[in-house]
Amino acid sequence: MFLYIVLSLLFLFFGAYSVVVKRNFLKILIGVELMLSGANLAFVTFSSGSTVAQTFVITSLLIGTIFSAAGVALAISIYRQCKTLDVEVCKQEND
């Protein structure tokens, strides 16, 4: 159990690091997905095998998949408009 808690904290830490530090939109999206996976792992670890918790995690995974698909579509749109996925460069071009 301790290993799963440490692993979920690592997922949360590296996801937050990626969201805060990286400038590439896809890397930020991957960081958000890492944080979602860490939260799901922690939720399952602390739930002690409850079927309600498993249902919430499956629902969370489905919502995360929809979020990822929307994020990739947004990344394609950003790339077509700005010719880069760098968030700062695209922000400066649109100001």
C-alpha atoms as a PDB file:
ATOM      1  CA  MET A   1       0.000   0.000   0.000  1.00  0.00           C
ATOM      2  CA  PHE A   2       2.844   2.369   0.829  1.00  0.00           C
ATOM      3  CA  LEU A   3       4.343   1.821  -2.633  1.00  0.00           C
ATOM      4  CA  TYR A   4       1.092   2.878  -4.322  1.00  0.00           C
ATOM      5  CA  ILE A   5       0.858   6.018  -2.220  1.00  0.00           C
ATOM      6  CA  VAL A   6       4.432   6.976  -3.097  1.00  0.00           C
ATOM      7  CA  LEU A   7       3.781   6.248  -6.769  1.00  0.00           C
ATOM      8  CA  SER A   8       0.629   8.373  -6.784  1.00  0.00           C
ATOM      9  CA  LEU A   9       2.517  11.233  -5.106  1.00  0.00           C
ATOM     10  CA  LEU A  10       5.241  10.957  -7.752  1.00  0.00           C
ATOM     11  CA  PHE A  11       2.617  11.126 -10.502  1.00  0.00           C
ATOM     12  CA  LEU A  12       1.065  14.176  -8.875  1.00  0.00           C
ATOM     13  CA  PHE A  13       4.450  15.871  -8.388  1.00  0.00           C
ATOM     14  CA  PHE A  14       5.747  15.267 -11.920  1.00  0.00           C
ATOM     15  CA  GLY A  15       2.396  16.279 -13.401  1.00  0.00           C
ATOM     16  CA  ALA A  16       2.354  19.532 -11.442  1.00  0.00           C
ATOM     17  CA  TYR A  17       5.990  20.168 -12.405  1.00  0.00           C
ATOM     18  CA  SER A  18       5.137  19.676 -16.062  1.00  0.00           C
ATOM     19  CA  VAL A  19       2.145  22.022 -15.891  1.00  0.00           C
ATOM     20  CA  VAL A  20       4.082  24.776 -14.109  1.00  0.00           C
ATOM     21  CA  VAL A  21       7.455  24.621 -15.890  1.00  0.00           C
ATOM     22  CA  LYS A  22       6.865  23.414 -19.455  1.00  0.00           C
ATOM     23  CA  ARG A  23       5.869  25.752 -22.268  1.00  0.00           C
ATOM     24  CA  ASN A  24       4.790  23.186 -24.864  1.00  0.00           C
ATOM     25  CA  PHE A  25       1.024  22.660 -24.888  1.00  0.00           C
ATOM     26  CA  LEU A  26       1.215  18.883 -25.343  1.00  0.00           C
ATOM     27  CA  LYS A  27       3.639  18.547 -22.418  1.00  0.00           C
ATOM     28  CA  ILE A  28       1.246  20.535 -20.258  1.00  0.00           C
ATOM     29  CA  LEU A  29      -1.587  18.250 -21.351  1.00  0.00           C
ATOM     30  CA  ILE A  30       0.479  15.176 -20.463  1.00  0.00           C
ATOM     31  CA  GLY A  31       1.178  16.738 -17.049  1.00  0.00           C
ATOM     32  CA  VAL A  32      -2.541  17.138 -16.397  1.00  0.00           C
ATOM     33  CA  GLU A  33      -3.102  13.513 -17.372  1.00  0.00           C
ATOM     34  CA  LEU A  34      -0.315  12.434 -15.001  1.00  0.00           C
ATOM     35  CA  MET A  35      -1.992  14.307 -12.163  1.00  0.00           C
ATOM     36  CA  LEU A  36      -5.305  12.651 -13.011  1.00  0.00           C
ATOM     37  CA  SER A  37      -3.665   9.220 -12.963  1.00  0.00           C
ATOM     38  CA  GLY A  38      -2.011   9.959  -9.623  1.00  0.00           C
ATOM     39  CA  ALA A  39      -5.307  11.057  -8.115  1.00  0.00           C
ATOM     40  CA  ASN A  40      -7.050   7.934  -9.426  1.00  0.00           C
ATOM     41  CA  LEU A  41      -4.317   5.691  -8.028  1.00  0.00           C
ATOM     42  CA  ALA A  42      -4.535   7.360  -4.619  1.00  0.00           C
ATOM     43  CA  PHE A  43      -8.314   7.081  -4.638  1.00  0.00           C
ATOM     44  CA  VAL A  44      -8.209   3.347  -5.397  1.00  0.00           C
ATOM     45  CA  THR A  45      -5.459   2.804  -2.823  1.00  0.00           C
ATOM     46  CA  PHE A  46      -7.418   4.439  -0.008  1.00  0.00           C
ATOM     47  CA  SER A  47     -10.769   2.928  -0.991  1.00  0.00           C
ATOM     48  CA  SER A  48      -9.854  -0.626   0.133  1.00  0.00           C
ATOM     49  CA  GLY A  49     -11.596  -2.369  -2.777  1.00  0.00           C
ATOM     50  CA  SER A  50     -14.940  -0.592  -2.678  1.00  0.00           C
ATOM     51  CA  THR A  51     -16.987  -0.973  -5.839  1.00  0.00           C
ATOM     52  CA  VAL A  52     -18.239   2.601  -5.513  1.00  0.00           C
ATOM     53  CA  ALA A  53     -14.654   3.870  -5.586  1.00  0.00           C
ATOM     54  CA  GLN A  54     -13.909   1.750  -8.631  1.00  0.00           C
ATOM     55  CA  THR A  55     -16.969   3.195 -10.353  1.00  0.00           C
ATOM     56  CA  PHE A  56     -15.769   6.735  -9.606  1.00  0.00           C
ATOM     57  CA  VAL A  57     -12.312   5.936 -10.980  1.00  0.00           C
ATOM     58  CA  ILE A  58     -13.736   4.465 -14.186  1.00  0.00           C
ATOM     59  CA  THR A  59     -15.903   7.564 -14.591  1.00  0.00           C
ATOM     60  CA  SER A  60     -12.846   9.741 -13.967  1.00  0.00           C
ATOM     61  CA  LEU A  61     -10.897   7.824 -16.604  1.00  0.00           C
ATOM     62  CA  LEU A  62     -13.685   8.358 -19.134  1.00  0.00           C
ATOM     63  CA  ILE A  63     -13.773  12.081 -18.383  1.00  0.00           C
ATOM     64  CA  GLY A  64      -9.966  12.177 -18.662  1.00  0.00           C
ATOM     65  CA  THR A  65     -10.144  10.519 -22.063  1.00  0.00           C
ATOM     66  CA  ILE A  66     -12.643  13.103 -23.269  1.00  0.00           C
ATOM     67  CA  PHE A  67     -10.408  15.847 -21.847  1.00  0.00           C
ATOM     68  CA  SER A  68      -7.404  14.411 -23.703  1.00  0.00           C
ATOM     69  CA  ALA A  69      -9.278  14.261 -26.998  1.00  0.00           C
ATOM     70  CA  ALA A  70     -10.423  17.861 -26.589  1.00  0.00           C
ATOM     71  CA  GLY A  71      -6.876  18.895 -25.645  1.00  0.00           C
ATOM     72  CA  VAL A  72      -5.370  17.270 -28.729  1.00  0.00           C
ATOM     73  CA  ALA A  73      -7.989  18.966 -30.910  1.00  0.00           C
ATOM     74  CA  LEU A  74      -7.124  22.270 -29.242  1.00  0.00           C
ATOM     75  CA  ALA A  75      -3.404  21.605 -29.796  1.00  0.00           C
ATOM     76  CA  ILE A  76      -4.035  21.033 -33.499  1.00  0.00           C
ATOM     77  CA  SER A  77      -6.002  24.272 -33.671  1.00  0.00           C
ATOM     78  CA  ILE A  78      -3.247  26.189 -31.852  1.00  0.00           C
ATOM     79  CA  TYR A  79      -0.593  24.744 -34.153  1.00  0.00           C
ATOM     80  CA  ARG A  80      -2.554  25.680 -37.267  1.00  0.00           C
ATOM     81  CA  GLN A  81      -3.003  29.247 -36.041  1.00  0.00           C
ATOM     82  CA  CYS A  82       0.436  29.931 -34.495  1.00  0.00           C
ATOM     83  CA  LYS A  83       2.667  27.356 -36.273  1.00  0.00           C
ATOM     84  CA  THR A  84       4.057  26.366 -32.854  1.00  0.00           C
ATOM     85  CA  LEU A  85       2.874  24.679 -29.675  1.00  0.00           C
ATOM     86  CA  ASP A  86       4.850  27.042 -27.454  1.00  0.00           C
ATOM     87  CA  VAL A  87       2.261  28.696 -25.237  1.00  0.00           C
ATOM     88  CA  GLU A  88       4.235  31.901 -24.631  1.00  0.00           C
ATOM     89  CA  VAL A  89       5.028  32.523 -28.309  1.00  0.00           C
ATOM     90  CA  CYS A  90       1.426  32.003 -29.358  1.00  0.00           C
ATOM     91  CA  LYS A  91       0.203  34.279 -26.561  1.00  0.00           C
ATOM     92  CA  GLN A  92       2.536  37.078 -27.706  1.00  0.00           C
ATOM     93  CA  GLU A  93       1.439  36.714 -31.339  1.00  0.00           C
ATOM     94  CA  ASN A  94      -2.237  37.092 -30.435  1.00  0.00           C
ATOM     95  CA  ASP A  95      -1.784  40.171 -28.206  1.00  0.00           C
END
